[in-house]
Amino acid sequence: MTAIHKFFSLLIFLLILSSCNFNSAQDQTFEITDRAQLLADIEFLASDELEGRLTGTEGNLVAREYIAERFHSLDLLMFGDSYEQHFSFINTRSGVEFDLAVNLIGYIEGSSHPDRYIVVTAHYDHLGVRDGEIYNGADDNASGTGGLMAAARYFSHNQPENSIIFVAFDAEEQGLQGARYFVENPPVPLDQFVMNVNMDMISTNFENELYAVGTNHYPFLRPLVEESTAGAPIDVLFGYDGADGRDDWTMSSDHGPFHQQGIPFIYFGVEDHPHYHQPSDIFENINPDFYVDAVGTIISFLRDIDQNLDLIEESSDR
């Protein structure tokens, strides 16, 4: 595709998208997010009962069963006879071997393009117990896991045009191991993945700011994010992807292995805060109102992307 063709395709996309009023979507907030369920999910996943959800532990298993049951209740389809994708690895930093790691994968088939996929991701593992203290990981990343289940809920009631795969990754905290295994062993050919949307740390911010990371690598995505979130109840900002002199989050979470395969991504997350990777990352320290608004904004973005995925595919160099 020539540059001018890409330009006009993107222009048409923005004209279509601008005709969809975000505020009208916000009038249907109940349909987009179930606040009570969303907060109940993050509170449970970050509870002491799960002891920080370290890969291979009993708490991690409880979290896995909780997510799988939600996938089942939403009638998400399976690739094969289970939502589970088992894998093992050795953490090269610590030398520790993990042989009980499990990704959870479900999907909803698209009404118009069943063989074209958006991959929505979040990791459910965290750091476990260290020196007798539980690292509950409310923001990191019970919040993204709750957002993942909320997105699955929305699209299970509003069938997308394209198929959407929902992946709860294990072992992100061990070096993005779950995401690496997934892209090396995808349930469908990688060339059918048009885009990845990753959620990691989306609940603990008191400045009303959520970052959409990745547009430095995929510039055609920036105007799409801007247009989709223009009327959102939170401020969606850009950066942290190698263009602004700040930390580069390109490989900081599970979107990294997708990017390494040339798959466009947007990573939604907040800036680091004092509770990051600390025992104080607990449910009581999140910002519930911001969290609900962030999840609603992300789901609205996913809906807009789904309705215009052909233009994203045309703009991509893959």
C-alpha atoms as a PDB file:
ATOM      1  CA  MET A   1       0.000   0.000   0.000  1.00  0.00           C
ATOM      2  CA  THR A   2       1.364   3.439  -0.936  1.00  0.00           C
ATOM      3  CA  ALA A   3       1.741   6.197   1.639  1.00  0.00           C
ATOM      4  CA  ILE A   4      -1.090   8.212   0.103  1.00  0.00           C
ATOM      5  CA  HIS A   5      -3.392   5.198   0.169  1.00  0.00           C
ATOM      6  CA  LYS A   6      -2.552   4.685   3.841  1.00  0.00           C
ATOM      7  CA  PHE A   7      -3.277   8.355   4.494  1.00  0.00           C
ATOM      8  CA  PHE A   8      -6.718   8.243   2.896  1.00  0.00           C
ATOM      9  CA  SER A   9      -7.564   4.944   4.585  1.00  0.00           C
ATOM     10  CA  LEU A  10      -6.688   6.462   7.941  1.00  0.00           C
ATOM     11  CA  LEU A  11      -8.648   9.624   7.137  1.00  0.00           C
ATOM     12  CA  ILE A  12     -11.739   7.566   6.343  1.00  0.00           C
ATOM     13  CA  PHE A  13     -11.245   5.645   9.599  1.00  0.00           C
ATOM     14  CA  LEU A  14     -11.134   8.855  11.620  1.00  0.00           C
ATOM     15  CA  LEU A  15     -14.224  10.255   9.910  1.00  0.00           C
ATOM     16  CA  ILE A  16     -16.137   7.087  10.721  1.00  0.00           C
ATOM     17  CA  LEU A  17     -14.840   7.011  14.267  1.00  0.00           C
ATOM     18  CA  SER A  18     -15.616  10.668  14.921  1.00  0.00           C
ATOM     19  CA  SER A  19     -19.239  10.012  14.024  1.00  0.00           C
ATOM     20  CA  CYS A  20     -19.403   7.627  17.019  1.00  0.00           C
ATOM     21  CA  ASN A  21     -19.937   9.846  20.065  1.00  0.00           C
ATOM     22  CA  PHE A  22     -17.995   8.559  23.075  1.00  0.00           C
ATOM     23  CA  ASN A  23     -20.496  10.197  25.396  1.00  0.00           C
ATOM     24  CA  SER A  24     -23.276   8.076  23.967  1.00  0.00           C
ATOM     25  CA  ALA A  25     -21.196   5.037  24.899  1.00  0.00           C
ATOM     26  CA  GLN A  26     -20.732   6.456  28.381  1.00  0.00           C
ATOM     27  CA  ASP A  27     -24.517   6.704  28.682  1.00  0.00           C
ATOM     28  CA  GLN A  28     -24.438   2.903  28.466  1.00  0.00           C
ATOM     29  CA  THR A  29     -21.777   2.434  31.141  1.00  0.00           C
ATOM     30  CA  PHE A  30     -23.803  -0.317  32.776  1.00  0.00           C
ATOM     31  CA  GLU A  31     -23.546  -2.342  29.587  1.00  0.00           C
ATOM     32  CA  ILE A  32     -19.803  -1.731  29.243  1.00  0.00           C
ATOM     33  CA  THR A  33     -18.665  -2.332  32.819  1.00  0.00           C
ATOM     34  CA  ASP A  34     -20.226  -3.989  35.845  1.00  0.00           C
ATOM     35  CA  ARG A  35     -18.664  -1.907  38.617  1.00  0.00           C
ATOM     36  CA  ALA A  36     -19.552  -4.266  41.445  1.00  0.00           C
ATOM     37  CA  GLN A  37     -18.166  -7.298  39.612  1.00  0.00           C
ATOM     38  CA  LEU A  38     -15.033  -5.467  38.522  1.00  0.00           C
ATOM     39  CA  LEU A  39     -14.185  -4.389  42.072  1.00  0.00           C
ATOM     40  CA  ALA A  40     -15.080  -7.808  43.494  1.00  0.00           C
ATOM     41  CA  ASP A  41     -12.702  -9.433  41.011  1.00  0.00           C
ATOM     42  CA  ILE A  42      -9.701  -7.280  41.853  1.00  0.00           C
ATOM     43  CA  GLU A  43     -10.395  -7.544  45.585  1.00  0.00           C
ATOM     44  CA  PHE A  44     -10.487 -11.348  45.451  1.00  0.00           C
ATOM     45  CA  LEU A  45      -7.452 -11.756  43.193  1.00  0.00           C
ATOM     46  CA  ALA A  46      -5.448  -9.437  45.482  1.00  0.00           C
ATOM     47  CA  SER A  47      -6.637 -11.026  48.715  1.00  0.00           C
ATOM     48  CA  ASP A  48      -4.307 -12.640  51.262  1.00  0.00           C
ATOM     49  CA  GLU A  49      -5.987 -15.968  50.481  1.00  0.00           C
ATOM     50  CA  LEU A  50      -4.137 -16.105  47.143  1.00  0.00           C
ATOM     51  CA  GLU A  51      -0.783 -15.243  48.739  1.00  0.00           C
ATOM     52  CA  GLY A  52       0.473 -13.151  45.840  1.00  0.00           C
ATOM     53  CA  ARG A  53      -0.279 -15.627  42.997  1.00  0.00           C
ATOM     54  CA  LEU A  54       3.346 -16.662  42.379  1.00  0.00           C
ATOM     55  CA  THR A  55       3.629 -19.066  39.441  1.00  0.00           C
ATOM     56  CA  GLY A  56       3.361 -22.687  40.566  1.00  0.00           C
ATOM     57  CA  THR A  57       1.823 -21.974  43.978  1.00  0.00           C
ATOM     58  CA  GLU A  58      -1.563 -22.856  45.417  1.00  0.00           C
ATOM     59  CA  GLY A  59      -2.623 -19.203  45.291  1.00  0.00           C
ATOM     60  CA  ASN A  60      -1.776 -19.038  41.614  1.00  0.00           C
ATOM     61  CA  LEU A  61      -3.909 -22.161  41.072  1.00  0.00           C
ATOM     62  CA  VAL A  62      -6.861 -20.581  42.884  1.00  0.00           C
ATOM     63  CA  ALA A  63      -6.568 -17.495  40.668  1.00  0.00           C
ATOM     64  CA  ARG A  64      -6.373 -19.703  37.583  1.00  0.00           C
ATOM     65  CA  GLU A  65      -9.501 -21.619  38.543  1.00  0.00           C
ATOM     66  CA  TYR A  66     -11.325 -18.351  39.241  1.00  0.00           C
ATOM     67  CA  ILE A  67     -10.490 -16.945  35.794  1.00  0.00           C
ATOM     68  CA  ALA A  68     -11.280 -20.215  34.001  1.00  0.00           C
ATOM     69  CA  GLU A  69     -14.675 -20.369  35.688  1.00  0.00           C
ATOM     70  CA  ARG A  70     -15.420 -16.832  34.501  1.00  0.00           C
ATOM     71  CA  PHE A  71     -14.377 -17.742  30.959  1.00  0.00           C
ATOM     72  CA  HIS A  72     -16.732 -20.732  31.169  1.00  0.00           C
ATOM     73  CA  SER A  73     -19.633 -18.681  32.548  1.00  0.00           C
ATOM     74  CA  LEU A  74     -19.220 -16.240  29.648  1.00  0.00           C
ATOM     75  CA  ASP A  75     -19.240 -19.118  27.139  1.00  0.00           C
ATOM     76  CA  LEU A  76     -15.831 -18.269  25.751  1.00  0.00           C
ATOM     77  CA  LEU A  77     -14.751 -20.807  23.173  1.00  0.00           C
ATOM     78  CA  MET A  78     -11.706 -23.038  23.651  1.00  0.00           C
ATOM     79  CA  PHE A  79      -8.885 -23.976  21.327  1.00  0.00           C
ATOM     80  CA  GLY A  80      -9.091 -27.696  21.958  1.00  0.00           C
ATOM     81  CA  ASP A  81     -10.707 -29.122  25.078  1.00  0.00           C
ATOM     82  CA  SER A  82      -9.404 -26.710  27.719  1.00  0.00           C
ATOM     83  CA  TYR A  83      -8.662 -23.049  28.360  1.00  0.00           C
ATOM     84  CA  GLU A  84      -5.266 -24.070  29.729  1.00  0.00           C
ATOM     85  CA  GLN A  85      -1.942 -23.814  27.921  1.00  0.00           C
ATOM     86  CA  HIS A  86       0.720 -25.519  30.043  1.00  0.00           C
ATOM     87  CA  PHE A  87       4.401 -24.682  29.810  1.00  0.00           C
ATOM     88  CA  SER A  88       7.615 -24.907  31.795  1.00  0.00           C
ATOM     89  CA  PHE A  89      10.775 -22.802  31.896  1.00  0.00           C
ATOM     90  CA  ILE A  90      13.852 -21.911  33.866  1.00  0.00           C
ATOM     91  CA  ASN A  91      14.177 -18.336  35.085  1.00  0.00           C
ATOM     92  CA  THR A  92      17.622 -17.459  33.769  1.00  0.00           C
ATOM     93  CA  ARG A  93      18.017 -14.680  36.333  1.00  0.00           C
ATOM     94  CA  SER A  94      17.391 -16.866  39.390  1.00  0.00           C
ATOM     95  CA  GLY A  95      18.028 -20.343  38.010  1.00  0.00           C
ATOM     96  CA  VAL A  96      14.674 -21.494  39.419  1.00  0.00           C
ATOM     97  CA  GLU A  97      12.758 -24.044  37.349  1.00  0.00           C
ATOM     98  CA  PHE A  98       8.986 -23.684  36.957  1.00  0.00           C
ATOM     99  CA  ASP A  99       7.140 -26.700  35.589  1.00  0.00           C
ATOM    100  CA  LEU A 100       3.543 -25.798  36.511  1.00  0.00           C
ATOM    101  CA  ALA A 101       2.957 -22.588  34.566  1.00  0.00           C
ATOM    102  CA  VAL A 102      -0.378 -22.145  32.807  1.00  0.00           C
ATOM    103  CA  ASN A 103      -1.786 -19.543  30.427  1.00  0.00           C
ATOM    104  CA  LEU A 104      -5.567 -19.314  30.109  1.00  0.00           C
ATOM    105  CA  ILE A 105      -6.911 -18.771  26.591  1.00  0.00           C
ATOM    106  CA  GLY A 106     -10.489 -18.259  25.454  1.00  0.00           C
ATOM    107  CA  TYR A 107     -12.016 -16.575  22.453  1.00  0.00           C
ATOM    108  CA  ILE A 108     -15.156 -15.158  20.885  1.00  0.00           C
ATOM    109  CA  GLU A 109     -15.671 -15.772  17.196  1.00  0.00           C
ATOM    110  CA  GLY A 110     -16.174 -12.718  15.001  1.00  0.00           C
ATOM    111  CA  SER A 111     -19.410 -12.313  13.088  1.00  0.00           C
ATOM    112  CA  SER A 112     -17.793 -10.987   9.900  1.00  0.00           C
ATOM    113  CA  HIS A 113     -14.114 -11.987  10.053  1.00  0.00           C
ATOM    114  CA  PRO A 114     -13.774 -15.131  12.189  1.00  0.00           C
ATOM    115  CA  ASP A 115     -10.228 -15.795  10.937  1.00  0.00           C
ATOM    116  CA  ARG A 116      -8.863 -12.375  11.930  1.00  0.00           C
ATOM    117  CA  TYR A 117      -7.949 -11.778  15.570  1.00  0.00           C
ATOM    118  CA  ILE A 118      -7.484  -9.083  18.168  1.00  0.00           C
ATOM    119  CA  VAL A 119      -5.540 -10.497  21.138  1.00  0.00           C
ATOM    120  CA  VAL A 120      -6.460  -8.953  24.513  1.00  0.00           C
ATOM    121  CA  THR A 121      -4.043  -9.784  27.303  1.00  0.00           C
ATOM    122  CA  ALA A 122      -3.212  -9.362  30.993  1.00  0.00           C
ATOM    123  CA  HIS A 123      -1.063 -11.381  33.387  1.00  0.00           C
ATOM    124  CA  TYR A 124      -2.538 -12.883  36.530  1.00  0.00           C
ATOM    125  CA  ASP A 125       0.634 -13.930  38.375  1.00  0.00           C
ATOM    126  CA  HIS A 126       2.548 -11.804  40.868  1.00  0.00           C
ATOM    127  CA  LEU A 127       5.466 -12.114  43.307  1.00  0.00           C
ATOM    128  CA  GLY A 128       4.040 -14.346  46.042  1.00  0.00           C
ATOM    129  CA  VAL A 129       5.379 -14.266  49.600  1.00  0.00           C
ATOM    130  CA  ARG A 130       8.792 -12.816  50.420  1.00  0.00           C
ATOM    131  CA  ASP A 131      10.339 -12.713  53.903  1.00  0.00           C
ATOM    132  CA  GLY A 132       6.956 -13.524  55.400  1.00  0.00           C
ATOM    133  CA  GLU A 133       5.134 -10.676  53.649  1.00  0.00           C
ATOM    134  CA  ILE A 134       2.475 -11.166  50.982  1.00  0.00           C
ATOM    135  CA  TYR A 135       2.946  -9.220  47.779  1.00  0.00           C
ATOM    136  CA  ASN A 136      -0.733  -9.104  46.819  1.00  0.00           C
ATOM    137  CA  GLY A 137      -0.324  -7.368  43.450  1.00  0.00           C
ATOM    138  CA  ALA A 138      -3.640  -5.518  43.341  1.00  0.00           C
ATOM    139  CA  ASP A 139      -2.565  -3.071  40.667  1.00  0.00           C
ATOM    140  CA  ASP A 140       0.093  -5.455  39.314  1.00  0.00           C
ATOM    141  CA  ASN A 141      -1.818  -7.163  37.909  1.00  0.00           C
ATOM    142  CA  ALA A 142      -5.104  -8.165  39.469  1.00  0.00           C
ATOM    143  CA  SER A 143      -6.329  -4.920  37.897  1.00  0.00           C
ATOM    144  CA  GLY A 144      -5.501  -5.936  34.333  1.00  0.00           C
ATOM    145  CA  THR A 145      -6.919  -9.410  34.915  1.00  0.00           C
ATOM    146  CA  GLY A 146     -10.178  -7.872  36.109  1.00  0.00           C
ATOM    147  CA  GLY A 147     -10.183  -5.653  33.015  1.00  0.00           C
ATOM    148  CA  LEU A 148      -9.598  -8.710  30.822  1.00  0.00           C
ATOM    149  CA  MET A 149     -12.617 -10.487  32.303  1.00  0.00           C
ATOM    150  CA  ALA A 150     -14.711  -7.310  31.978  1.00  0.00           C
ATOM    151  CA  ALA A 151     -13.805  -7.049  28.291  1.00  0.00           C
ATOM    152  CA  ALA A 152     -14.712 -10.704  27.791  1.00  0.00           C
ATOM    153  CA  ARG A 153     -18.047 -10.032  29.502  1.00  0.00           C
ATOM    154  CA  TYR A 154     -18.809  -7.091  27.211  1.00  0.00           C
ATOM    155  CA  PHE A 155     -18.020  -8.893  23.979  1.00  0.00           C
ATOM    156  CA  SER A 156     -19.773 -12.080  25.074  1.00  0.00           C
ATOM    157  CA  HIS A 157     -22.945  -9.975  25.058  1.00  0.00           C
ATOM    158  CA  ASN A 158     -21.983  -7.885  22.019  1.00  0.00           C
ATOM    159  CA  GLN A 159     -20.462 -10.166  19.396  1.00  0.00           C
ATOM    160  CA  PRO A 160     -17.463  -8.525  17.720  1.00  0.00           C
ATOM    161  CA  GLU A 161     -16.996  -8.360  13.963  1.00  0.00           C
ATOM    162  CA  ASN A 162     -13.554  -9.930  14.307  1.00  0.00           C
ATOM    163  CA  SER A 163     -12.576 -12.788  16.567  1.00  0.00           C
ATOM    164  CA  ILE A 164     -11.093 -11.755  19.906  1.00  0.00           C
ATOM    165  CA  ILE A 165      -8.723 -13.949  21.906  1.00  0.00           C
ATOM    166  CA  PHE A 166      -8.576 -13.286  25.650  1.00  0.00           C
ATOM    167  CA  VAL A 167      -5.358 -14.465  27.316  1.00  0.00           C
ATOM    168  CA  ALA A 168      -4.573 -14.426  31.039  1.00  0.00           C
ATOM    169  CA  PHE A 169      -0.814 -14.923  31.088  1.00  0.00           C
ATOM    170  CA  ASP A 170       1.148 -16.678  33.778  1.00  0.00           C
ATOM    171  CA  ALA A 171       4.808 -15.975  34.672  1.00  0.00           C
ATOM    172  CA  GLU A 172       5.003 -12.389  33.471  1.00  0.00           C
ATOM    173  CA  GLU A 173       6.952 -11.590  36.613  1.00  0.00           C
ATOM    174  CA  GLN A 174       9.480 -14.276  35.641  1.00  0.00           C
ATOM    175  CA  GLY A 175      10.480 -12.536  32.414  1.00  0.00           C
ATOM    176  CA  LEU A 176       7.324 -12.453  30.271  1.00  0.00           C
ATOM    177  CA  GLN A 177       7.472 -16.237  30.045  1.00  0.00           C
ATOM    178  CA  GLY A 178       3.760 -16.803  29.420  1.00  0.00           C
ATOM    179  CA  ALA A 179       3.618 -14.310  26.565  1.00  0.00           C
ATOM    180  CA  ARG A 180       6.824 -15.652  25.055  1.00  0.00           C
ATOM    181  CA  TYR A 181       5.460 -19.188  25.075  1.00  0.00           C
ATOM    182  CA  PHE A 182       2.134 -18.062  23.618  1.00  0.00           C
ATOM    183  CA  VAL A 183       3.623 -16.302  20.596  1.00  0.00           C
ATOM    184  CA  GLU A 184       5.930 -19.264  20.002  1.00  0.00           C
ATOM    185  CA  ASN A 185       2.991 -21.673  20.276  1.00  0.00           C
ATOM    186  CA  PRO A 186      -0.029 -19.687  19.061  1.00  0.00           C
ATOM    187  CA  PRO A 187      -3.446 -21.354  18.798  1.00  0.00           C
ATOM    188  CA  VAL A 188      -3.806 -19.912  15.267  1.00  0.00           C
ATOM    189  CA  PRO A 189      -1.139 -18.725  12.806  1.00  0.00           C
ATOM    190  CA  LEU A 190       0.551 -15.496  13.933  1.00  0.00           C
ATOM    191  CA  ASP A 191      -0.292 -13.771  10.660  1.00  0.00           C
ATOM    192  CA  GLN A 192      -3.941 -13.863  11.740  1.00  0.00           C
ATOM    193  CA  PHE A 193      -3.132 -11.673  14.769  1.00  0.00           C
ATOM    194  CA  VAL A 194      -3.811  -8.093  13.659  1.00  0.00           C
ATOM    195  CA  MET A 195      -3.252  -6.364  16.995  1.00  0.00           C
ATOM    196  CA  ASN A 196      -2.519  -6.882  20.692  1.00  0.00           C
ATOM    197  CA  VAL A 197      -4.089  -4.785  23.465  1.00  0.00           C
ATOM    198  CA  ASN A 198      -2.384  -5.404  26.819  1.00  0.00           C
ATOM    199  CA  MET A 199      -3.484  -4.266  30.285  1.00  0.00           C
ATOM    200  CA  ASP A 200      -0.982  -4.163  33.154  1.00  0.00           C
ATOM    201  CA  MET A 201      -1.418  -1.845  36.160  1.00  0.00           C
ATOM    202  CA  ILE A 202      -4.574   0.148  35.393  1.00  0.00           C
ATOM    203  CA  SER A 203      -6.060   0.886  38.830  1.00  0.00           C
ATOM    204  CA  THR A 204      -3.695   2.937  41.010  1.00  0.00           C
ATOM    205  CA  ASN A 205      -3.560   6.510  39.806  1.00  0.00           C
ATOM    206  CA  PHE A 206      -4.967   9.623  41.449  1.00  0.00           C
ATOM    207  CA  GLU A 207      -4.180  12.084  38.650  1.00  0.00           C
ATOM    208  CA  ASN A 208      -6.766  10.502  36.330  1.00  0.00           C
ATOM    209  CA  GLU A 209      -4.014   9.503  33.874  1.00  0.00           C
ATOM    210  CA  LEU A 210      -3.726   6.308  31.867  1.00  0.00           C
ATOM    211  CA  TYR A 211      -0.944   5.762  29.330  1.00  0.00           C
ATOM    212  CA  ALA A 212      -1.421   4.213  25.907  1.00  0.00           C
ATOM    213  CA  VAL A 213       2.040   2.959  24.993  1.00  0.00           C
ATOM    214  CA  GLY A 214       3.204   1.808  21.572  1.00  0.00           C
ATOM    215  CA  THR A 215       2.398   4.566  19.108  1.00  0.00           C
ATOM    216  CA  ASN A 216       6.067   5.461  18.644  1.00  0.00           C
ATOM    217  CA  HIS A 217       6.491   2.042  17.049  1.00  0.00           C
ATOM    218  CA  TYR A 218       3.119   2.083  15.274  1.00  0.00           C
ATOM    219  CA  PRO A 219       2.375   5.769  14.539  1.00  0.00           C
ATOM    220  CA  PHE A 220      -0.819   4.989  12.639  1.00  0.00           C
ATOM    221  CA  LEU A 221      -2.367   3.899  15.942  1.00  0.00           C
ATOM    222  CA  ARG A 222      -1.980   7.263  17.702  1.00  0.00           C
ATOM    223  CA  PRO A 223      -4.799   9.141  15.932  1.00  0.00           C
ATOM    224  CA  LEU A 224      -7.029   6.117  16.436  1.00  0.00           C
ATOM    225  CA  VAL A 225      -6.410   6.138  20.195  1.00  0.00           C
ATOM    226  CA  GLU A 226      -6.864   9.918  20.332  1.00  0.00           C
ATOM    227  CA  GLU A 227     -10.159   9.827  18.477  1.00  0.00           C
ATOM    228  CA  SER A 228     -11.546   6.865  20.389  1.00  0.00           C
ATOM    229  CA  THR A 229     -10.712   8.297  23.831  1.00  0.00           C
ATOM    230  CA  ALA A 230     -11.360  11.994  23.142  1.00  0.00           C
ATOM    231  CA  GLY A 231     -14.432  12.117  25.371  1.00  0.00           C
ATOM    232  CA  ALA A 232     -13.273   9.581  27.944  1.00  0.00           C
ATOM    233  CA  PRO A 233     -13.680  10.336  31.671  1.00  0.00           C
ATOM    234  CA  ILE A 234      -9.917   9.902  32.130  1.00  0.00           C
ATOM    235  CA  ASP A 235      -6.879  11.432  30.431  1.00  0.00           C
ATOM    236  CA  VAL A 236      -5.238   9.020  28.011  1.00  0.00           C
ATOM    237  CA  LEU A 237      -1.612  10.037  27.481  1.00  0.00           C
ATOM    238  CA  PHE A 238       1.238   8.851  25.250  1.00  0.00           C
ATOM    239  CA  GLY A 239       4.890   8.099  25.834  1.00  0.00           C
ATOM    240  CA  TYR A 240       7.199   5.599  27.513  1.00  0.00           C
ATOM    241  CA  ASP A 241       7.907   3.875  24.213  1.00  0.00           C
ATOM    242  CA  GLY A 242      11.340   5.205  23.350  1.00  0.00           C
ATOM    243  CA  ALA A 243      10.440   8.622  21.925  1.00  0.00           C
ATOM    244  CA  ASP A 244      10.397  10.963  24.912  1.00  0.00           C
ATOM    245  CA  GLY A 245      13.595  10.347  26.887  1.00  0.00           C
ATOM    246  CA  ARG A 246      11.719   8.593  29.685  1.00  0.00           C
ATOM    247  CA  ASP A 247      11.777   4.919  30.611  1.00  0.00           C
ATOM    248  CA  ASP A 248      10.971   2.697  27.642  1.00  0.00           C
ATOM    249  CA  TRP A 249       8.139   0.282  28.429  1.00  0.00           C
ATOM    250  CA  THR A 250       8.266  -1.452  25.041  1.00  0.00           C
ATOM    251  CA  MET A 251       9.449  -4.705  26.627  1.00  0.00           C
ATOM    252  CA  SER A 252       8.156  -4.114  30.151  1.00  0.00           C
ATOM    253  CA  SER A 253       5.091  -6.363  29.943  1.00  0.00           C
ATOM    254  CA  ASP A 254       3.398  -9.020  27.847  1.00  0.00           C
ATOM    255  CA  HIS A 255       2.990  -6.859  24.745  1.00  0.00           C
ATOM    256  CA  GLY A 256       6.769  -7.122  24.256  1.00  0.00           C
ATOM    257  CA  PRO A 257       6.846 -10.573  22.621  1.00  0.00           C
ATOM    258  CA  PHE A 258       4.041  -9.503  20.257  1.00  0.00           C
ATOM    259  CA  HIS A 259       6.067  -6.460  19.236  1.00  0.00           C
ATOM    260  CA  GLN A 260       9.091  -8.675  18.605  1.00  0.00           C
ATOM    261  CA  GLN A 261       6.942 -10.557  16.097  1.00  0.00           C
ATOM    262  CA  GLY A 262       5.919  -7.305  14.383  1.00  0.00           C
ATOM    263  CA  ILE A 263       2.368  -7.401  15.756  1.00  0.00           C
ATOM    264  CA  PRO A 264       1.087  -3.872  16.514  1.00  0.00           C
ATOM    265  CA  PHE A 265       0.208  -3.265  20.147  1.00  0.00           C
ATOM    266  CA  ILE A 266      -1.208  -0.747  22.554  1.00  0.00           C
ATOM    267  CA  TYR A 267      -0.275  -1.225  26.188  1.00  0.00           C
ATOM    268  CA  PHE A 268      -2.520   0.467  28.743  1.00  0.00           C
ATOM    269  CA  GLY A 269      -0.949   1.168  32.128  1.00  0.00           C
ATOM    270  CA  VAL A 270      -0.281   3.791  34.777  1.00  0.00           C
ATOM    271  CA  GLU A 271       3.010   5.300  35.850  1.00  0.00           C
ATOM    272  CA  ASP A 272       4.927   3.545  38.606  1.00  0.00           C
ATOM    273  CA  HIS A 273       3.770   4.441  42.109  1.00  0.00           C
ATOM    274  CA  PRO A 274       5.106   3.835  45.648  1.00  0.00           C
ATOM    275  CA  HIS A 275       3.204   0.519  45.881  1.00  0.00           C
ATOM    276  CA  TYR A 276       4.784  -0.988  42.756  1.00  0.00           C
ATOM    277  CA  HIS A 277       6.302  -4.392  43.647  1.00  0.00           C
ATOM    278  CA  GLN A 278       5.713  -3.698  47.338  1.00  0.00           C
ATOM    279  CA  PRO A 279       3.554  -5.447  49.969  1.00  0.00           C
ATOM    280  CA  SER A 280       1.450  -2.265  49.996  1.00  0.00           C
ATOM    281  CA  ASP A 281       0.035  -3.020  46.522  1.00  0.00           C
ATOM    282  CA  ILE A 282      -3.294  -4.018  48.056  1.00  0.00           C
ATOM    283  CA  PHE A 283      -6.932  -3.506  47.133  1.00  0.00           C
ATOM    284  CA  GLU A 284      -7.345  -0.717  49.676  1.00  0.00           C
ATOM    285  CA  ASN A 285      -4.714   1.389  47.865  1.00  0.00           C
ATOM    286  CA  ILE A 286      -6.224   1.351  44.376  1.00  0.00           C
ATOM    287  CA  ASN A 287      -8.444   4.164  43.057  1.00  0.00           C
ATOM    288  CA  PRO A 288     -11.792   2.419  42.424  1.00  0.00           C
ATOM    289  CA  ASP A 289     -13.394   5.240  40.420  1.00  0.00           C
ATOM    290  CA  PHE A 290     -10.361   5.591  38.171  1.00  0.00           C
ATOM    291  CA  TYR A 291     -10.175   1.827  37.723  1.00  0.00           C
ATOM    292  CA  VAL A 292     -13.770   1.510  36.568  1.00  0.00           C
ATOM    293  CA  ASP A 293     -13.361   4.456  34.196  1.00  0.00           C
ATOM    294  CA  ALA A 294     -10.079   3.065  32.837  1.00  0.00           C
ATOM    295  CA  VAL A 295     -11.630  -0.313  32.084  1.00  0.00           C
ATOM    296  CA  GLY A 296     -14.640   1.312  30.419  1.00  0.00           C
ATOM    297  CA  THR A 297     -12.315   3.434  28.283  1.00  0.00           C
ATOM    298  CA  ILE A 298     -10.262   0.421  27.214  1.00  0.00           C
ATOM    299  CA  ILE A 299     -13.348  -1.593  26.308  1.00  0.00           C
ATOM    300  CA  SER A 300     -14.702   1.326  24.269  1.00  0.00           C
ATOM    301  CA  PHE A 301     -11.360   1.485  22.455  1.00  0.00           C
ATOM    302  CA  LEU A 302     -11.525  -2.247  21.764  1.00  0.00           C
ATOM    303  CA  ARG A 303     -15.009  -1.840  20.337  1.00  0.00           C
ATOM    304  CA  ASP A 304     -13.851   0.948  18.012  1.00  0.00           C
ATOM    305  CA  ILE A 305     -10.819  -1.038  16.914  1.00  0.00           C
ATOM    306  CA  ASP A 306     -12.955  -4.088  16.188  1.00  0.00           C
ATOM    307  CA  GLN A 307     -15.297  -2.064  13.997  1.00  0.00           C
ATOM    308  CA  ASN A 308     -12.402  -0.708  11.936  1.00  0.00           C
ATOM    309  CA  LEU A 309      -9.798  -3.448  12.046  1.00  0.00           C
ATOM    310  CA  ASP A 310      -9.513  -3.685   8.273  1.00  0.00           C
ATOM    311  CA  LEU A 311      -7.989  -0.197   8.176  1.00  0.00           C
ATOM    312  CA  ILE A 312      -5.508  -1.078  10.916  1.00  0.00           C
ATOM    313  CA  GLU A 313      -4.518  -4.175   8.969  1.00  0.00           C
ATOM    314  CA  GLU A 314      -4.023  -2.107   5.839  1.00  0.00           C
ATOM    315  CA  SER A 315      -1.887   0.445   7.714  1.00  0.00           C
ATOM    316  CA  SER A 316       0.365  -2.199   9.241  1.00  0.00           C
ATOM    317  CA  ASP A 317       3.569  -3.168   7.429  1.00  0.00           C
ATOM    318  CA  ARG A 318       3.036  -6.886   8.141  1.00  0.00           C
END
